[in-house]
Protein backbone atom coordinates (compact mmCIF):
# COMPACT_ATOMS: atom_id res chain seq x y z
CA UNK A 1 -32.10 -5.15 20.35
CA UNK A 2 -30.54 -5.53 17.23
CA UNK A 3 -28.19 -8.88 17.50
CA UNK A 4 -24.71 -7.48 15.82
CA UNK A 5 -20.98 -10.42 15.76
CA UNK A 6 -18.92 -6.72 17.43
CA UNK A 7 -19.27 -3.63 19.07
CA UNK A 8 -16.41 -1.99 19.78
CA UNK A 9 -15.94 1.21 22.48
CA UNK A 10 -12.88 3.18 21.98
CA UNK A 11 -11.78 6.65 23.48
CA UNK A 12 -11.31 8.03 20.85
CA UNK A 13 -13.05 7.11 16.38
CA UNK A 14 -11.00 8.52 13.94
CA UNK A 15 -13.01 7.66 10.47
CA UNK A 16 -11.28 9.55 8.29
CA UNK A 17 -14.65 10.82 6.19
CA UNK A 18 -15.38 13.72 6.99
CA UNK A 19 -12.03 14.66 6.86
CA UNK A 20 -10.84 15.86 10.83
CA UNK A 21 -13.61 15.01 12.63
CA UNK A 22 -12.56 13.32 15.81
CA UNK A 23 -15.46 10.69 17.72
CA UNK A 24 -14.58 10.56 21.32
CA UNK A 25 -15.76 7.87 23.68
CA UNK A 26 -17.61 5.73 20.38
CA UNK A 27 -18.41 2.22 19.53
CA UNK A 28 -18.56 0.96 16.28
CA UNK A 29 -20.86 -2.18 15.29
CA UNK A 30 -19.84 -4.79 12.20
CA UNK A 31 -22.45 -7.38 11.16
CA UNK A 32 -21.13 -9.57 8.60
CA UNK A 33 -17.76 -8.27 7.91
CA UNK A 34 -19.43 -4.51 7.56
CA UNK A 35 -19.56 -1.79 9.52
CA UNK A 36 -23.38 -1.36 10.35
CA UNK A 37 -23.19 1.49 13.25
CA UNK A 38 -21.02 4.14 14.54
CA UNK A 39 -23.26 6.14 17.73
CA UNK A 40 -22.02 7.22 21.34
CA UNK A 41 -20.83 3.67 23.63
CA UNK A 42 -23.41 4.99 26.35
CA UNK A 43 -26.15 4.67 23.24
CA UNK A 44 -24.48 1.05 21.74
CA UNK A 45 -25.20 -1.27 24.93
CA UNK A 46 -28.74 -0.69 24.57
CA UNK A 47 -29.26 -0.84 20.82
CA UNK A 48 -27.20 -3.57 19.58
CA UNK A 49 -26.40 -7.19 21.27
CA UNK A 50 -23.47 -8.71 20.45
CA UNK A 51 -21.77 -12.43 20.50
CA UNK A 52 -17.92 -10.54 20.85
CA UNK A 53 -17.55 -6.92 22.76
CA UNK A 54 -14.21 -5.09 23.41
CA UNK A 55 -13.60 -2.45 24.85
CA UNK A 56 -10.14 0.26 24.27
CA UNK A 57 -10.46 2.53 26.68
CA UNK A 58 -6.78 4.19 25.40
CA UNK A 59 -7.16 3.64 21.98
CA UNK A 60 -8.11 5.47 18.64
CA UNK A 61 -10.04 3.10 16.01
CA UNK A 62 -8.67 4.37 12.03
CA UNK A 63 -9.30 2.57 8.52
CA UNK A 64 -7.23 -0.02 8.12
CA UNK A 65 -4.14 1.75 6.68
CA UNK A 66 -3.98 0.90 2.55
CA UNK A 67 -0.08 0.95 1.03
CA UNK A 68 -0.21 1.21 -2.39
CA UNK A 69 3.28 -0.24 -2.97
CA UNK A 70 5.23 -2.68 -2.25
CA UNK A 71 6.84 -5.83 -3.33
CA UNK A 72 6.31 -8.11 -0.83
CA UNK A 73 8.30 -10.50 -1.38
CA UNK A 74 11.27 -9.19 -1.68
CA UNK A 75 11.08 -8.52 2.91
CA UNK A 76 13.46 -11.80 2.26
CA UNK A 77 16.13 -9.63 0.68
CA UNK A 78 14.87 -6.46 3.95
CA UNK A 79 19.32 -4.94 4.23
CA UNK A 80 20.62 -6.66 1.41
CA UNK A 81 22.41 -4.00 -0.71
CA UNK A 82 22.56 -1.42 1.43
CA UNK A 83 23.11 2.85 0.34
CA UNK A 84 23.43 1.98 -3.39
CA UNK A 85 21.35 4.03 -5.26
CA UNK A 86 18.64 2.19 -7.42
CA UNK A 87 20.48 1.10 -10.30
CA UNK A 88 23.07 0.05 -8.69
CA UNK A 89 21.06 -1.89 -6.54
CA UNK A 90 19.51 -3.14 -8.82
CA UNK A 91 21.42 -4.75 -11.42
CA UNK A 92 24.72 -5.59 -9.69
CA UNK A 93 22.65 -7.52 -6.49
CA UNK A 94 18.34 -7.35 -6.95
CA UNK A 95 18.54 -8.71 -10.20
CA UNK A 96 20.87 -11.53 -10.05
CA UNK A 97 19.55 -12.51 -7.02
CA UNK A 98 16.06 -12.75 -8.57
CA UNK A 99 17.46 -14.89 -10.72
CA UNK A 100 19.53 -17.14 -8.27
CA UNK A 101 16.32 -18.29 -5.96
CA UNK A 102 13.41 -16.43 -8.08
CA UNK A 103 10.44 -19.66 -7.05
CA UNK A 104 7.19 -20.01 -5.81
CA UNK A 105 8.56 -20.33 -2.35
CA UNK A 106 10.40 -17.32 -2.32
CA UNK A 107 8.15 -15.18 -2.82
CA UNK A 108 5.65 -17.59 -0.83
CA UNK A 109 7.71 -16.86 2.24
CA UNK A 110 8.27 -13.61 1.79
CA UNK A 111 5.15 -12.41 1.18
CA UNK A 112 4.62 -15.18 4.47
CA UNK A 113 7.39 -11.99 6.55
CA UNK A 114 5.58 -8.95 4.92
CA UNK A 115 1.89 -9.77 5.71
CA UNK A 116 2.74 -10.63 8.84
CA UNK A 117 5.18 -7.48 9.12
CA UNK A 118 1.72 -5.44 7.27
CA UNK A 119 -0.77 -6.79 9.60
CA UNK A 120 1.29 -5.54 12.72
CA UNK A 121 2.05 -2.55 11.44
CA UNK A 122 -1.78 -1.33 10.59
CA UNK A 123 -1.98 -2.43 7.03
CA UNK A 124 -4.82 -4.13 5.89
CA UNK A 125 -4.82 -3.99 2.04
CA UNK A 126 -1.19 -4.14 -0.20
CA UNK A 127 -1.19 -3.38 -3.80
CA UNK A 128 1.40 -5.43 -5.14
CA UNK A 129 3.67 -5.74 -8.41
CA UNK A 130 5.75 -8.45 -8.79
CA UNK A 131 6.49 -12.19 -9.61
CA UNK A 132 4.16 -15.88 -9.35
CA UNK A 133 0.89 -13.45 -8.63
CA UNK A 134 -0.95 -15.98 -8.13
CA UNK A 135 1.90 -17.01 -4.82
CA UNK A 136 0.93 -14.25 -3.17
CA UNK A 137 -3.33 -14.16 -3.76
CA UNK A 138 -3.01 -17.29 -1.90
CA UNK A 139 -1.04 -15.64 0.67
CA UNK A 140 -2.98 -12.97 1.16
CA UNK A 141 -6.10 -15.33 0.92
CA UNK A 142 -5.12 -18.46 3.87
CA UNK A 143 -4.06 -15.17 6.00
CA UNK A 144 -7.65 -13.12 5.56
CA UNK A 145 -5.92 -9.56 4.29
CA UNK A 146 -6.90 -7.80 1.91
CA UNK A 147 -4.26 -7.03 -1.89
CA UNK A 148 -4.94 -5.59 -4.99
CA UNK A 149 -2.68 -8.34 -6.77
CA UNK A 150 -0.66 -6.27 -9.42
CA UNK A 151 0.33 -8.90 -12.67
CA UNK A 152 3.49 -7.92 -13.98
CA UNK A 153 5.21 -7.43 -17.71
CA UNK A 154 8.63 -6.47 -18.73
CA UNK A 155 9.98 -7.26 -21.85
CA UNK A 156 12.62 -9.67 -20.59
CA UNK A 157 11.78 -12.68 -19.15
CA UNK A 158 12.24 -14.31 -15.95
CA UNK A 159 11.30 -17.70 -14.59
CA UNK A 160 7.31 -16.75 -14.02
CA UNK A 161 7.13 -15.74 -17.77
CA UNK A 162 9.32 -16.26 -20.86
CA UNK A 163 7.96 -12.86 -22.34
CA UNK A 164 5.63 -9.99 -22.96
CA UNK A 165 2.93 -11.99 -24.06
CA UNK A 166 4.11 -14.65 -21.59
CA UNK A 167 3.55 -12.55 -18.87
CA UNK A 168 0.87 -11.28 -20.09
CA UNK A 169 -1.09 -14.82 -20.54
CA UNK A 170 -1.04 -15.95 -17.17
CA UNK A 171 -1.98 -12.09 -15.47
CA UNK A 172 -5.33 -12.90 -17.68
CA UNK A 173 -6.00 -16.46 -16.55
CA UNK A 174 -4.08 -15.58 -13.19
CA UNK A 175 -7.72 -12.86 -12.82
CA UNK A 176 -10.37 -14.60 -14.25
CA UNK A 177 -9.32 -17.43 -11.13
CA UNK A 178 -9.22 -14.85 -8.68
CA UNK A 179 -12.82 -12.94 -10.29
CA UNK A 180 -15.38 -12.34 -6.87
CA UNK A 181 -12.77 -13.22 -4.76
CA UNK A 182 -14.06 -10.57 -2.13
CA UNK A 183 -10.67 -9.13 -0.36
CA UNK A 184 -9.44 -9.85 -3.54
CA UNK A 185 -8.55 -7.40 -6.94
CA UNK A 186 -6.39 -6.61 -9.27
CA UNK A 187 -4.32 -4.23 -12.04
CA UNK A 188 -1.72 -4.71 -14.68
CA UNK A 189 1.24 -4.25 -13.55
CA UNK A 190 3.93 -2.58 -15.65
CA UNK A 191 6.83 -3.20 -14.36
CA UNK A 192 8.30 1.00 -15.59
CA UNK A 193 9.05 2.88 -19.25
CA UNK A 194 12.57 1.35 -19.13
CA UNK A 195 11.32 -2.03 -19.06
CA UNK A 196 8.68 -2.51 -21.28
CA UNK A 197 8.06 -1.50 -24.24
CA UNK A 198 5.33 0.22 -26.61
CA UNK A 199 3.21 -3.01 -28.42
CA UNK A 200 3.24 -4.41 -24.56
CA UNK A 201 1.58 -1.40 -22.76
CA UNK A 202 -0.97 -0.48 -25.92
CA UNK A 203 -2.21 -4.18 -25.04
CA UNK A 204 -1.92 -3.21 -21.87
CA UNK A 205 -4.32 -0.80 -21.28
CA UNK A 206 -7.22 -2.48 -23.99
CA UNK A 207 -7.44 -5.51 -21.26
CA UNK A 208 -7.22 -3.04 -18.59
CA UNK A 209 -10.26 -1.13 -19.61
CA UNK A 210 -11.71 -4.36 -21.18
CA UNK A 211 -11.66 -5.59 -17.80
CA UNK A 212 -12.16 -2.46 -15.48
CA UNK A 213 -9.08 -2.66 -13.57
CA UNK A 214 -6.18 0.07 -12.80
CA UNK A 215 -2.87 0.16 -14.65
CA UNK A 216 0.62 0.15 -12.48
CA UNK A 217 4.10 1.14 -12.63
CA UNK A 218 7.08 2.99 -12.12
CA UNK A 219 7.42 6.31 -13.21
CA UNK A 220 9.96 8.78 -13.08
CA UNK A 221 11.31 7.69 -10.49
CA UNK A 222 14.93 9.08 -11.41
CA UNK A 223 16.78 11.73 -13.05
CA UNK A 224 18.79 8.46 -14.76
CA UNK A 225 15.62 7.10 -16.11
CA UNK A 226 13.93 10.53 -17.59
CA UNK A 227 16.96 11.77 -19.77
CA UNK A 228 17.80 7.92 -20.83
CA UNK A 229 14.28 8.64 -22.60
CA UNK A 230 14.14 11.46 -23.85
CA UNK A 231 18.22 11.04 -24.92
CA UNK A 232 16.91 7.85 -26.58
CA UNK A 233 13.59 8.42 -28.39
CA UNK A 234 12.94 12.18 -27.55
CA UNK A 235 10.26 12.63 -25.18
CA UNK A 236 10.44 12.39 -21.29
CA UNK A 237 8.51 9.30 -20.61
CA UNK A 238 5.26 10.38 -18.97
CA UNK A 239 4.71 12.00 -22.58
CA UNK A 240 4.96 8.28 -24.16
CA UNK A 241 2.71 6.62 -21.94
CA UNK A 242 0.40 9.92 -21.86
CA UNK A 243 0.78 9.86 -26.81
CA UNK A 244 0.11 5.43 -25.56
CA UNK A 245 -3.34 6.15 -23.93
CA UNK A 246 -2.35 5.26 -20.92
CA UNK A 247 -2.64 8.43 -18.45
CA UNK A 248 -6.59 8.09 -16.92
CA UNK A 249 -7.99 7.87 -13.77
CA UNK A 250 -7.50 3.96 -13.43
CA UNK A 251 -3.36 5.12 -13.55
CA UNK A 252 -1.31 4.75 -10.32
CA UNK A 253 2.19 6.63 -11.51
CA UNK A 254 4.46 5.17 -8.67
CA UNK A 255 7.16 7.23 -7.63
CA UNK A 256 6.59 10.61 -10.31
CA UNK A 257 10.11 11.85 -8.34
CA UNK A 258 10.63 13.92 -11.23
CA UNK A 259 8.06 16.16 -12.53
CA UNK A 260 7.58 19.45 -14.66
CA UNK A 261 5.21 22.36 -14.17
CA UNK A 262 3.36 21.19 -17.29
CA UNK A 263 3.39 17.22 -15.39
CA UNK A 264 1.59 18.10 -12.51
CA UNK A 265 -1.04 19.58 -14.73
CA UNK A 266 -0.88 16.93 -17.49
CA UNK A 267 -1.56 14.11 -14.95
CA UNK A 268 -4.27 16.59 -12.93
CA UNK A 269 -5.87 16.75 -16.23
CA UNK A 270 -6.09 13.32 -17.18
CA UNK A 271 -6.85 11.64 -13.44
CA UNK A 272 -3.94 9.64 -12.33
CA UNK A 273 -2.96 8.87 -9.83
CA UNK A 274 0.24 9.56 -8.10
CA UNK A 275 1.88 7.02 -5.62
CA UNK A 276 4.46 8.46 -3.72
CA UNK A 277 7.43 6.80 -1.36
CA UNK A 278 8.77 8.72 0.33
CA UNK A 279 11.53 6.41 2.08
CA UNK A 280 12.26 4.69 -0.38
CA UNK A 281 13.01 7.90 -2.61
CA UNK A 282 15.32 8.66 0.02
CA UNK A 283 17.03 6.00 0.83
CA UNK A 284 17.39 5.36 -2.89
CA UNK A 285 18.73 9.24 -3.32
CA UNK A 286 16.21 8.80 -5.49
CA UNK A 287 14.92 12.80 -5.04
CA UNK A 288 11.62 14.34 -4.26
CA UNK A 289 8.60 14.40 -5.77
CA UNK A 290 6.17 17.53 -5.41
CA UNK A 291 3.82 16.19 -3.55
CA UNK A 292 2.27 19.16 -2.18
CA UNK A 293 1.92 20.85 -5.73
CA UNK A 294 0.51 18.03 -7.32
CA UNK A 295 -2.10 18.19 -4.20
CA UNK A 296 -2.77 22.06 -5.08
CA UNK A 297 -3.62 20.31 -8.53
CA UNK A 298 -6.22 18.25 -7.51
CA UNK A 299 -4.54 14.92 -8.51
CA UNK A 300 -4.71 11.88 -5.37
CA UNK A 301 -2.15 11.45 -3.57
CA UNK A 302 -1.84 7.51 -2.18
CA UNK A 303 1.20 6.49 -0.15
CA UNK A 304 3.25 3.09 -0.24
CA UNK A 305 6.40 1.80 1.27
CA UNK A 306 7.81 0.12 -1.73
CA UNK A 307 9.55 -3.45 -1.60
CA UNK A 308 11.49 -4.04 1.95
CA UNK A 309 14.38 -4.06 -0.21
CA UNK A 310 14.33 -0.93 -0.80
CA UNK A 311 13.12 1.03 2.41
CA UNK A 312 14.21 -1.74 4.52
CA UNK A 313 10.25 -1.62 5.94
CA UNK A 314 6.04 -1.29 5.39
CA UNK A 315 6.41 0.55 8.30
CA UNK A 316 2.64 3.39 6.83
CA UNK A 317 2.80 5.47 10.67
CA UNK A 318 6.86 5.75 8.69
CA UNK A 319 5.57 6.45 5.80
CA UNK A 320 3.02 8.72 7.19
CA UNK A 321 5.53 10.73 9.39
CA UNK A 322 7.93 11.07 6.58
CA UNK A 323 5.35 12.13 3.98
CA UNK A 324 4.09 14.87 5.86
CA UNK A 325 7.75 16.25 7.20
CA UNK A 326 9.90 15.95 4.42
CA UNK A 327 6.85 18.40 2.49
CA UNK A 328 6.59 20.92 4.49
CA UNK A 329 10.53 21.19 3.19
CA UNK A 330 10.45 20.62 -0.17
CA UNK A 331 7.82 23.50 -0.47
CA UNK A 332 8.64 25.60 1.78
CA UNK A 333 6.01 25.98 3.70
CA UNK A 334 5.21 24.76 7.56
CA UNK A 335 1.33 23.84 6.50
CA UNK A 336 2.91 21.69 3.82
CA UNK A 337 0.51 18.40 3.74
CA UNK A 338 -0.58 18.79 7.55
CA UNK A 339 -1.13 15.60 9.80
CA UNK A 340 -4.58 15.12 8.59
CA UNK A 341 -3.71 15.07 5.12
CA UNK A 342 -1.15 12.35 5.69
CA UNK A 343 -3.69 10.04 7.47
CA UNK A 344 -5.90 10.92 4.30
CA UNK A 345 -2.77 9.70 1.51
CA UNK A 346 -2.51 6.95 3.14
CA UNK A 347 -6.22 5.46 4.21
CA UNK A 348 -8.75 6.48 1.50
CA UNK A 349 -5.90 8.38 -1.06
CA UNK A 350 -4.87 4.81 -0.72
CA UNK A 351 -8.45 3.20 -1.93
CA UNK A 352 -9.07 5.21 -4.50
CA UNK A 353 -6.11 4.82 -6.74
CA UNK A 354 -7.22 1.17 -6.01
CA UNK A 355 -11.31 1.56 -7.22
CA UNK A 356 -11.86 0.59 -3.60
CA UNK A 357 -13.06 3.65 -2.23
CA UNK A 358 -16.85 2.21 -1.90
CA UNK A 359 -15.50 -0.49 0.37
CA UNK A 360 -12.53 0.90 2.03
CA UNK A 361 -10.16 3.36 3.18
CA UNK A 362 -12.63 5.12 5.68
CA UNK A 363 -14.57 3.85 8.81
CA UNK A 364 -18.43 4.43 7.22
CA UNK A 365 -21.74 2.06 7.54
CA UNK A 366 -22.44 0.38 5.17
CA UNK A 367 -17.91 -0.13 4.62
CA UNK A 368 -15.81 -2.53 5.53
CA UNK A 369 -14.79 -3.41 8.32
CA UNK A 370 -11.22 -2.92 8.36
CA UNK A 371 -10.49 -1.57 11.05
CA UNK A 372 -6.97 -0.54 13.04
CA UNK A 373 -6.44 -0.08 16.77
CA UNK A 374 -4.10 2.33 18.66
CA UNK A 375 -3.12 2.59 21.80
CA UNK A 376 -2.47 6.63 22.64
CA UNK A 377 -1.52 5.93 25.96
CA UNK A 378 2.08 5.54 25.54
CA UNK A 379 5.06 8.01 27.45
CA UNK A 380 5.56 8.16 23.57
CA UNK A 381 1.87 9.75 23.02
CA UNK A 382 1.58 11.59 25.69
CA UNK A 383 -0.07 14.14 26.03
CA UNK A 384 -2.65 14.02 24.09
CA UNK A 385 -3.96 17.31 22.96
CA UNK A 386 -5.14 16.09 19.22
CA UNK A 387 -5.50 11.84 18.10
CA UNK A 388 -4.67 12.84 14.76
CA UNK A 389 -1.03 14.46 14.96
CA UNK A 390 -0.66 12.39 17.54
CA UNK A 391 -0.87 9.31 15.54
CA UNK A 392 0.78 10.95 12.24
CA UNK A 393 4.23 12.97 14.52
CA UNK A 394 3.96 10.70 17.76
CA UNK A 395 2.95 7.26 17.41
CA UNK A 396 4.79 3.90 15.95
CA UNK A 397 3.05 1.38 14.53
CA UNK A 398 4.14 -0.84 17.84
CA UNK A 399 0.93 0.98 19.33
CA UNK A 400 -1.16 -0.95 16.63
CA UNK A 401 -2.80 -3.61 18.95
CA UNK A 402 -5.62 -5.25 16.85
CA UNK A 403 -6.72 -5.34 13.73
CA UNK A 404 -9.75 -6.58 11.84
CA UNK A 405 -9.91 -6.77 8.01
CA UNK A 406 -14.06 -7.40 6.61
CA UNK A 407 -14.77 -7.85 11.30
CA UNK A 408 -11.78 -10.93 11.23
CA UNK A 409 -9.54 -9.70 14.44
CA UNK A 410 -6.83 -10.26 11.87
CA UNK A 411 -4.43 -9.31 15.13
CA UNK A 412 -5.79 -9.54 18.84
CA UNK A 413 -3.25 -7.48 21.39
CA UNK A 414 -0.26 -7.48 19.29
CA UNK A 415 -0.93 -11.19 18.22
CA UNK A 416 -1.50 -12.66 14.92
CA UNK A 417 -4.38 -14.61 14.38
CA UNK A 418 -4.30 -16.56 11.08
CA UNK A 419 0.37 -16.26 11.48
CA UNK A 420 2.03 -18.84 12.45
CA UNK A 421 5.15 -15.98 13.97
CA UNK A 422 7.03 -18.39 15.44
CA UNK A 423 7.12 -20.88 11.76
CA UNK A 424 7.82 -17.86 10.07
CA UNK A 425 10.72 -17.04 11.71
CA UNK A 426 12.32 -20.58 11.13
CA UNK A 427 11.45 -19.92 7.05
CA UNK A 428 13.24 -16.75 6.82
CA UNK A 429 16.08 -18.32 9.17
CA UNK A 430 16.52 -20.47 5.81
CA UNK A 431 16.32 -18.21 3.34
CA UNK A 432 18.80 -15.15 5.35
CA UNK A 433 21.54 -18.52 5.55
CA UNK A 434 20.54 -19.59 2.00
CA UNK A 435 20.69 -15.95 0.58
CA UNK A 436 23.83 -14.80 2.23
CA UNK A 437 25.74 -17.44 -0.21
CA UNK A 438 25.20 -16.13 -3.53
CA UNK A 439 26.02 -12.40 -2.80
């Protein structure tokens, strides 16, 4: 028998690649953090000698979910300024709080809270955009989660940096420090077209190309943003970004709510990716992304939650369901974004956007063992005719029982293994008290 680290037996394995395949009564074999086999459970015992064996007779195994747009530290501002439009929410509440409280300890505790929430909900990789990305990377490494850490860039000063050049300098230094970390990748994260001018965007394009890392940016999030740009510059933001040479297979456009047919065709032609954040867009009344049209045009569309301050959770199960249902209503087509498409948006499509699809996003031999186990025996998911549909349309994140990243078990029967939940609650309670005093 071949020695391996772990064999996980499950009622179903949904590998995502190939699409729409469900393997019944199969096992997943893991060695040195990688998937070495998917095979019938009846054959696994004769073929592999495992240091650890897991039997999950009521579960489906999925690839770890990829949350392709987060502001992790903003978990500390969950629910602090609800039911407001985007610009009033930002300018009147979020930015003043950040100006007062932003610092390393804020980012550390907020990121830990976000990571804990994501792991408990089956997310094994997140793409972050926030200040103090060095702290985000540090906390991700300590917890064992996979992360793409964005080097935020804006034109105005913050406690993190004094100018766009300072943001870039610190981002490049962090890139050098993180390079080679197996669980941490990086991206440039200019905030939005209305907060970053042409010169730094041109520098970002060059730096990203030299280092072969993605650029992710809020684009066409609100109609106000698009109309203001057109009035002041004579160009819609996407046109400006294209003329600056940013649109490419390395560009991740987040939100993309207000799009013309010509803009959808342009994004498809340039090979750029879209990250759809349906619940944040709905809550801020930003509008509806034409997801079905974008997919039909050949654009890779991934899913993100946005930050908990505007969503109010980092629940990728909820995001899959909302994305599938909303797309049907927007397209007036019940077949728009079926369940398997929504699951791919939350897994392999996110991996593709981050340039990680050779590593994660599906359960395939040779890929990293980023695996999620979902218990489908609950009354809420019975009777069960199609596990994929049940996961997207009926299951909740509370049914995630176990999570592995690169073969390391980070959630064991709903218990976090690398984060102290009770100590984290105490830290969060302290921040609640402090933030409540400055409103």
